[in-house]
C-alpha atoms as a PDB file:
ATOM      1  CA  MET A   1      -7.140  29.635  10.133  1.00  0.00           C
ATOM      2  CA  PRO A   2      -3.819  30.127  11.963  1.00  0.00           C
ATOM      3  CA  VAL A   3      -1.653  27.099  12.698  1.00  0.00           C
ATOM      4  CA  LYS A   4      -1.426  26.326  16.407  1.00  0.00           C
ATOM      5  CA  THR A   5       2.127  26.155  17.688  1.00  0.00           C
ATOM      6  CA  SER A   6       3.779  24.942  20.860  1.00  0.00           C
ATOM      7  CA  VAL A   7       5.874  27.135  23.130  1.00  0.00           C
ATOM      8  CA  SER A   8       8.933  26.237  21.008  1.00  0.00           C
ATOM      9  CA  GLY A   9       7.156  27.456  17.877  1.00  0.00           C
ATOM     10  CA  GLU A  10       6.787  23.920  16.409  1.00  0.00           C
ATOM     11  CA  PRO A  11       3.419  22.997  14.907  1.00  0.00           C
ATOM     12  CA  THR A  12       1.192  21.094  17.317  1.00  0.00           C
ATOM     13  CA  ALA A  13       0.545  17.447  16.549  1.00  0.00           C
ATOM     14  CA  PRO A  14      -2.907  17.896  14.947  1.00  0.00           C
ATOM     15  CA  ALA A  15      -1.683  20.693  12.660  1.00  0.00           C
ATOM     16  CA  ALA A  16       1.480  18.790  11.783  1.00  0.00           C
ATOM     17  CA  HIS A  17      -0.552  15.657  11.071  1.00  0.00           C
ATOM     18  CA  ARG A  18      -2.919  17.606   8.806  1.00  0.00           C
ATOM     19  CA  THR A  19       0.009  19.111   6.895  1.00  0.00           C
ATOM     20  CA  ARG A  20       1.599  15.694   6.494  1.00  0.00           C
ATOM     21  CA  GLU A  21      -1.702  14.315   5.180  1.00  0.00           C
ATOM     22  CA  VAL A  22      -2.026  17.245   2.757  1.00  0.00           C
ATOM     23  CA  LEU A  23       1.461  16.457   1.435  1.00  0.00           C
ATOM     24  CA  LEU A  24       0.640  12.754   1.072  1.00  0.00           C
ATOM     25  CA  ALA A  25      -2.640  13.533  -0.717  1.00  0.00           C
ATOM     26  CA  ALA A  26      -0.722  15.855  -3.031  1.00  0.00           C
ATOM     27  CA  GLY A  27       1.750  13.030  -3.661  1.00  0.00           C
ATOM     28  CA  VAL A  28      -1.101  10.747  -4.703  1.00  0.00           C
ATOM     29  CA  ALA A  29      -2.409  13.406  -7.090  1.00  0.00           C
ATOM     30  CA  VAL A  30       1.033  13.931  -8.618  1.00  0.00           C
ATOM     31  CA  ALA A  31       1.621  10.165  -8.860  1.00  0.00           C
ATOM     32  CA  GLU A  32      -1.718   9.701 -10.629  1.00  0.00           C
ATOM     33  CA  ARG A  33      -0.843  12.404 -13.116  1.00  0.00           C
ATOM     34  CA  ASP A  34       2.925  11.989 -13.571  1.00  0.00           C
ATOM     35  CA  GLY A  35       3.988   8.569 -12.207  1.00  0.00           C
ATOM     36  CA  LEU A  36       7.128   7.902 -10.190  1.00  0.00           C
ATOM     37  CA  ALA A  37       9.424   9.769 -12.588  1.00  0.00           C
ATOM     38  CA  GLY A  38       7.340  12.920 -12.190  1.00  0.00           C
ATOM     39  CA  LEU A  39       6.968  12.679  -8.426  1.00  0.00           C
ATOM     40  CA  SER A  40       9.331  15.462  -7.436  1.00  0.00           C
ATOM     41  CA  VAL A  41       9.391  17.434  -4.212  1.00  0.00           C
ATOM     42  CA  ASN A  42       8.698  20.589  -6.221  1.00  0.00           C
ATOM     43  CA  ARG A  43       5.572  19.136  -7.813  1.00  0.00           C
ATOM     44  CA  VAL A  44       4.299  17.804  -4.483  1.00  0.00           C
ATOM     45  CA  VAL A  45       4.677  21.126  -2.651  1.00  0.00           C
ATOM     46  CA  GLU A  46       3.141  22.979  -5.580  1.00  0.00           C
ATOM     47  CA  GLU A  47       0.162  20.591  -5.530  1.00  0.00           C
ATOM     48  CA  ALA A  48      -0.110  20.896  -1.723  1.00  0.00           C
ATOM     49  CA  HIS A  49       0.255  24.718  -1.772  1.00  0.00           C
ATOM     50  CA  VAL A  50       2.964  24.668   0.893  1.00  0.00           C
ATOM     51  CA  ALA A  51       6.524  25.925   1.044  1.00  0.00           C
ATOM     52  CA  LYS A  52       9.286  23.528   0.060  1.00  0.00           C
ATOM     53  CA  GLY A  53      10.750  23.702   3.551  1.00  0.00           C
ATOM     54  CA  THR A  54       7.479  22.341   4.922  1.00  0.00           C
ATOM     55  CA  PHE A  55       8.065  19.146   2.969  1.00  0.00           C
ATOM     56  CA  TYR A  56      11.402  18.636   4.718  1.00  0.00           C
ATOM     57  CA  VAL A  57       9.849  19.157   8.143  1.00  0.00           C
ATOM     58  CA  HIS A  58       7.839  15.975   7.518  1.00  0.00           C
ATOM     59  CA  PHE A  59      10.081  13.904   5.212  1.00  0.00           C
ATOM     60  CA  ALA A  60      13.859  13.588   5.060  1.00  0.00           C
ATOM     61  CA  ASP A  61      13.877  13.262   1.275  1.00  0.00           C
ATOM     62  CA  ARG A  62      11.926  12.059  -1.747  1.00  0.00           C
ATOM     63  CA  GLU A  63      12.564   8.380  -0.916  1.00  0.00           C
ATOM     64  CA  ALA A  64      11.203   8.822   2.611  1.00  0.00           C
ATOM     65  CA  PHE A  65       8.127  10.456   1.095  1.00  0.00           C
ATOM     66  CA  ILE A  66       7.561   7.594  -1.364  1.00  0.00           C
ATOM     67  CA  ASP A  67       8.033   5.123   1.479  1.00  0.00           C
ATOM     68  CA  ALA A  68       5.418   7.027   3.503  1.00  0.00           C
ATOM     69  CA  LEU A  69       3.005   6.850   0.556  1.00  0.00           C
ATOM     70  CA  HIS A  70       3.543   3.085   0.398  1.00  0.00           C
ATOM     71  CA  ALA A  71       3.126   2.712   4.176  1.00  0.00           C
ATOM     72  CA  ARG A  72      -0.133   4.664   4.008  1.00  0.00           C
ATOM     73  CA  PHE A  73      -1.342   2.442   1.153  1.00  0.00           C
ATOM     74  CA  HIS A  74      -0.316  -0.659   3.079  1.00  0.00           C
ATOM     75  CA  ASP A  75      -2.203   0.551   6.169  1.00  0.00           C
ATOM     76  CA  ARG A  76      -5.362   0.863   4.047  1.00  0.00           C
ATOM     77  CA  VAL A  77      -4.806  -2.627   2.672  1.00  0.00           C
ATOM     78  CA  GLN A  78      -4.383  -4.055   6.170  1.00  0.00           C
ATOM     79  CA  GLU A  79      -7.544  -2.317   7.398  1.00  0.00           C
ATOM     80  CA  ALA A  80      -9.581  -3.595   4.439  1.00  0.00           C
ATOM     81  CA  VAL A  81      -8.254  -7.130   4.827  1.00  0.00           C
ATOM     82  CA  ALA A  82      -8.851  -7.136   8.582  1.00  0.00           C
ATOM     83  CA  GLU A  83     -12.423  -5.983   8.045  1.00  0.00           C
ATOM     84  CA  ALA A  84     -13.054  -8.534   5.282  1.00  0.00           C
ATOM     85  CA  THR A  85     -11.623 -11.447   7.268  1.00  0.00           C
ATOM     86  CA  ALA A  86     -12.723 -10.591  10.816  1.00  0.00           C
ATOM     87  CA  ALA A  87     -15.534 -13.156  11.004  1.00  0.00           C
ATOM     88  CA  VAL A  88     -13.969 -15.766   8.716  1.00  0.00           C
ATOM     89  CA  PRO A  89     -12.155 -18.704  10.345  1.00  0.00           C
ATOM     90  CA  ALA A  90      -8.637 -19.643   9.252  1.00  0.00           C
ATOM     91  CA  GLY A  91      -8.614 -21.474   5.945  1.00  0.00           C
ATOM     92  CA  ALA A  92      -9.146 -20.968   2.233  1.00  0.00           C
ATOM     93  CA  GLU A  93     -12.191 -18.703   2.563  1.00  0.00           C
ATOM     94  CA  ARG A  94     -10.287 -16.379   4.891  1.00  0.00           C
ATOM     95  CA  ILE A  95      -7.401 -16.204   2.424  1.00  0.00           C
ATOM     96  CA  LEU A  96      -9.776 -15.505  -0.462  1.00  0.00           C
ATOM     97  CA  ALA A  97     -11.634 -12.800   1.464  1.00  0.00           C
ATOM     98  CA  GLY A  98      -8.282 -11.136   2.194  1.00  0.00           C
ATOM     99  CA  VAL A  99      -7.143 -11.423  -1.424  1.00  0.00           C
ATOM    100  CA  GLU A 100     -10.379  -9.845  -2.693  1.00  0.00           C
ATOM    101  CA  ALA A 101     -10.014  -6.971  -0.222  1.00  0.00           C
ATOM    102  CA  TYR A 102      -6.371  -6.444  -1.226  1.00  0.00           C
ATOM    103  CA  LEU A 103      -7.158  -6.428  -4.929  1.00  0.00           C
ATOM    104  CA  ASP A 104     -10.051  -4.015  -4.441  1.00  0.00           C
ATOM    105  CA  VAL A 105      -7.847  -1.567  -2.523  1.00  0.00           C
ATOM    106  CA  CYS A 106      -5.226  -1.828  -5.276  1.00  0.00           C
ATOM    107  CA  LEU A 107      -7.853  -0.889  -7.857  1.00  0.00           C
ATOM    108  CA  ALA A 108      -9.198   1.946  -5.729  1.00  0.00           C
ATOM    109  CA  ASP A 109      -5.715   3.339  -5.066  1.00  0.00           C
ATOM    110  CA  ARG A 110      -4.221   2.677  -8.502  1.00  0.00           C
ATOM    111  CA  ALA A 111      -1.658   5.472  -8.404  1.00  0.00           C
ATOM    112  CA  ILE A 112       0.102   4.254  -5.283  1.00  0.00           C
ATOM    113  CA  LYS A 113       0.019   0.602  -6.359  1.00  0.00           C
ATOM    114  CA  ALA A 114       1.580   1.644  -9.677  1.00  0.00           C
ATOM    115  CA  LEU A 115       4.098   3.814  -7.837  1.00  0.00           C
ATOM    116  CA  ALA A 116       5.050   0.896  -5.574  1.00  0.00           C
ATOM    117  CA  LEU A 117       5.614  -1.302  -8.609  1.00  0.00           C
ATOM    118  CA  GLU A 118       7.841   1.327 -10.225  1.00  0.00           C
ATOM    119  CA  ALA A 119       9.749   1.905  -6.982  1.00  0.00           C
ATOM    120  CA  ARG A 120      10.756  -1.750  -6.627  1.00  0.00           C
ATOM    121  CA  ALA A 121      13.946  -1.028  -8.592  1.00  0.00           C
ATOM    122  CA  ASN A 122      15.025   1.692  -6.150  1.00  0.00           C
ATOM    123  CA  ALA A 123      17.380   0.124  -3.591  1.00  0.00           C
ATOM    124  CA  ALA A 124      16.637   2.874  -1.054  1.00  0.00           C
ATOM    125  CA  LEU A 125      12.964   1.838  -1.035  1.00  0.00           C
ATOM    126  CA  THR A 126      13.147  -1.900  -1.574  1.00  0.00           C
ATOM    127  CA  ALA A 127      13.927  -2.969   2.007  1.00  0.00           C
ATOM    128  CA  SER A 128      11.015  -1.276   3.767  1.00  0.00           C
ATOM    129  CA  MET A 129       8.533  -2.130   1.013  1.00  0.00           C
ATOM    130  CA  SER A 130       9.687  -5.758   1.003  1.00  0.00           C
ATOM    131  CA  ALA A 131       9.364  -5.944   4.774  1.00  0.00           C
ATOM    132  CA  ARG A 132       5.746  -4.746   4.579  1.00  0.00           C
ATOM    133  CA  HIS A 133       5.050  -7.199   1.782  1.00  0.00           C
ATOM    134  CA  ASP A 134       6.584 -10.087   3.760  1.00  0.00           C
ATOM    135  CA  ARG A 135       4.624  -9.262   6.942  1.00  0.00           C
ATOM    136  CA  PHE A 136       1.440  -9.169   4.907  1.00  0.00           C
ATOM    137  CA  ALA A 137       2.209 -12.477   3.140  1.00  0.00           C
ATOM    138  CA  LEU A 138       2.939 -14.161   6.465  1.00  0.00           C
ATOM    139  CA  SER A 139      -0.562 -13.302   7.682  1.00  0.00           C
ATOM    140  CA  ALA A 140      -1.821 -16.160   5.451  1.00  0.00           C
ATOM    141  CA  VAL A 141       0.362 -18.774   7.179  1.00  0.00           C
ATOM    142  CA  PRO A 142      -2.230 -19.708   9.871  1.00  0.00           C
ATOM    143  CA  SER A 143      -4.837 -20.264   7.162  1.00  0.00           C
ATOM    144  CA  PHE A 144      -2.508 -22.476   5.143  1.00  0.00           C
ATOM    145  CA  LYS A 145      -1.711 -24.441   8.310  1.00  0.00           C
ATOM    146  CA  ALA A 146      -5.441 -24.824   8.988  1.00  0.00           C
ATOM    147  CA  MET A 147      -5.776 -26.205   5.461  1.00  0.00           C
ATOM    148  CA  GLY A 148      -3.057 -28.791   6.218  1.00  0.00           C
ATOM    149  CA  TRP A 149      -0.271 -27.316   4.103  1.00  0.00           C
ATOM    150  CA  ALA A 150       3.088 -28.562   5.409  1.00  0.00           C
ATOM    151  CA  GLU A 151       4.990 -25.679   3.752  1.00  0.00           C
ATOM    152  CA  ALA A 152       2.601 -22.952   4.893  1.00  0.00           C
ATOM    153  CA  ARG A 153       5.209 -20.192   4.823  1.00  0.00           C
ATOM    154  CA  ALA A 154       6.277 -20.989   1.249  1.00  0.00           C
ATOM    155  CA  ALA A 155       2.632 -21.252   0.206  1.00  0.00           C
ATOM    156  CA  ALA A 156       1.938 -17.802   1.680  1.00  0.00           C
ATOM    157  CA  GLN A 157       4.827 -16.308  -0.309  1.00  0.00           C
ATOM    158  CA  LEU A 158       3.579 -17.921  -3.520  1.00  0.00           C
ATOM    159  CA  LEU A 159       0.049 -16.698  -2.825  1.00  0.00           C
ATOM    160  CA  ALA A 160       1.427 -13.169  -2.402  1.00  0.00           C
ATOM    161  CA  ALA A 161       3.230 -13.440  -5.744  1.00  0.00           C
ATOM    162  CA  MET A 162       0.112 -14.682  -7.531  1.00  0.00           C
ATOM    163  CA  THR A 163      -2.015 -11.991  -5.923  1.00  0.00           C
ATOM    164  CA  SER A 164       0.504  -9.329  -6.863  1.00  0.00           C
ATOM    165  CA  GLU A 165       0.435 -10.517 -10.466  1.00  0.00           C
ATOM    166  CA  ILE A 166      -3.358 -10.266 -10.518  1.00  0.00           C
ATOM    167  CA  ALA A 167      -3.095  -6.751  -9.051  1.00  0.00           C
ATOM    168  CA  ILE A 168      -0.685  -5.753 -11.825  1.00  0.00           C
ATOM    169  CA  ARG A 169      -2.940  -7.150 -14.524  1.00  0.00           C
ATOM    170  CA  GLU A 170      -5.994  -5.451 -13.021  1.00  0.00           C
ATOM    171  CA  LEU A 171      -4.035  -2.221 -12.761  1.00  0.00           C
ATOM    172  CA  GLU A 172      -3.205  -2.426 -16.466  1.00  0.00           C
ATOM    173  CA  ALA A 173      -6.827  -3.283 -17.363  1.00  0.00           C
ATOM    174  CA  GLY A 174      -8.274  -0.646 -15.029  1.00  0.00           C
ATOM    175  CA  ARG A 175     -10.876  -3.084 -13.744  1.00  0.00           C
ATOM    176  CA  ARG A 176     -11.439  -6.363 -11.943  1.00  0.00           C
ATOM    177  CA  LEU A 177     -10.427  -9.481 -13.861  1.00  0.00           C
ATOM    178  CA  PRO A 178     -12.927 -12.088 -12.649  1.00  0.00           C
ATOM    179  CA  ALA A 179     -11.246 -14.961 -14.529  1.00  0.00           C
ATOM    180  CA  ALA A 180      -7.936 -14.321 -12.743  1.00  0.00           C
ATOM    181  CA  ARG A 181      -9.683 -14.154  -9.374  1.00  0.00           C
ATOM    182  CA  ARG A 182     -11.549 -17.395 -10.100  1.00  0.00           C
ATOM    183  CA  ALA A 183      -8.289 -19.093 -11.129  1.00  0.00           C
ATOM    184  CA  LEU A 184      -6.700 -18.124  -7.804  1.00  0.00           C
ATOM    185  CA  ARG A 185      -9.738 -19.564  -6.008  1.00  0.00           C
ATOM    186  CA  ARG A 186      -9.240 -22.842  -7.896  1.00  0.00           C
ATOM    187  CA  PHE A 187      -5.552 -22.970  -6.952  1.00  0.00           C
ATOM    188  CA  LEU A 188      -6.497 -22.679  -3.296  1.00  0.00           C
ATOM    189  CA  SER A 189      -9.232 -25.275  -3.463  1.00  0.00           C
ATOM    190  CA  ALA A 190      -7.069 -27.824  -5.332  1.00  0.00           C
END
C-alpha cells in the first residue's frame, strides 16, 4: 500500500504515526532480545524493515528514541492506573489499586521497564524520565492527604521508591511477588 503524502511530499500524519509506532514496536523487540546495550539504530531499523533515514525523520537520535519508548510505557502505566482507580475514593485503597496496576504493566512490558532501569545512568535520559516518575509519584499526594499524612509529598516519593523496588524484584523473578505486594499493603495500613 503506497504511503500517502502531502503536497510537500512529507508523509501524512496517519502514515507518519504508523511508521513511528512500527519503529517503537521494533525497539521493544530489540530491547527484549538485546537489552539497552544492544538497542542500536541499526538493529531497530532492521527489525522495523525501514531505511535508516526513516528513523531520523521520527527521532533525533538514539536517546530521543529511548525516551520515546519510556514515554510510551509511562502512558500505558497512566492509562492502567487511571482505569484501576477511577471509582476508588482518595485514600489507601486508591493508592493500592494504582500500585497493583503499575506493577502489572511493568510485568507485561518487561523489556521497557528493564530498559528504563538500565537507562537511569544515562544523563541525557535521566531528566525526562525523572520528571515522568515525579509526576506519577505526586498523583498519590491527595490520597496520602486524605489518609491524614502531614508529609504527603514525602510519603508519595517513598511509596514510589518502594513500588519501584517491587517492580525490579518482580522483573527479576518474571512473576508477581505476592509477599512483597502484601508488605506494601501493610505499610500503607500501618
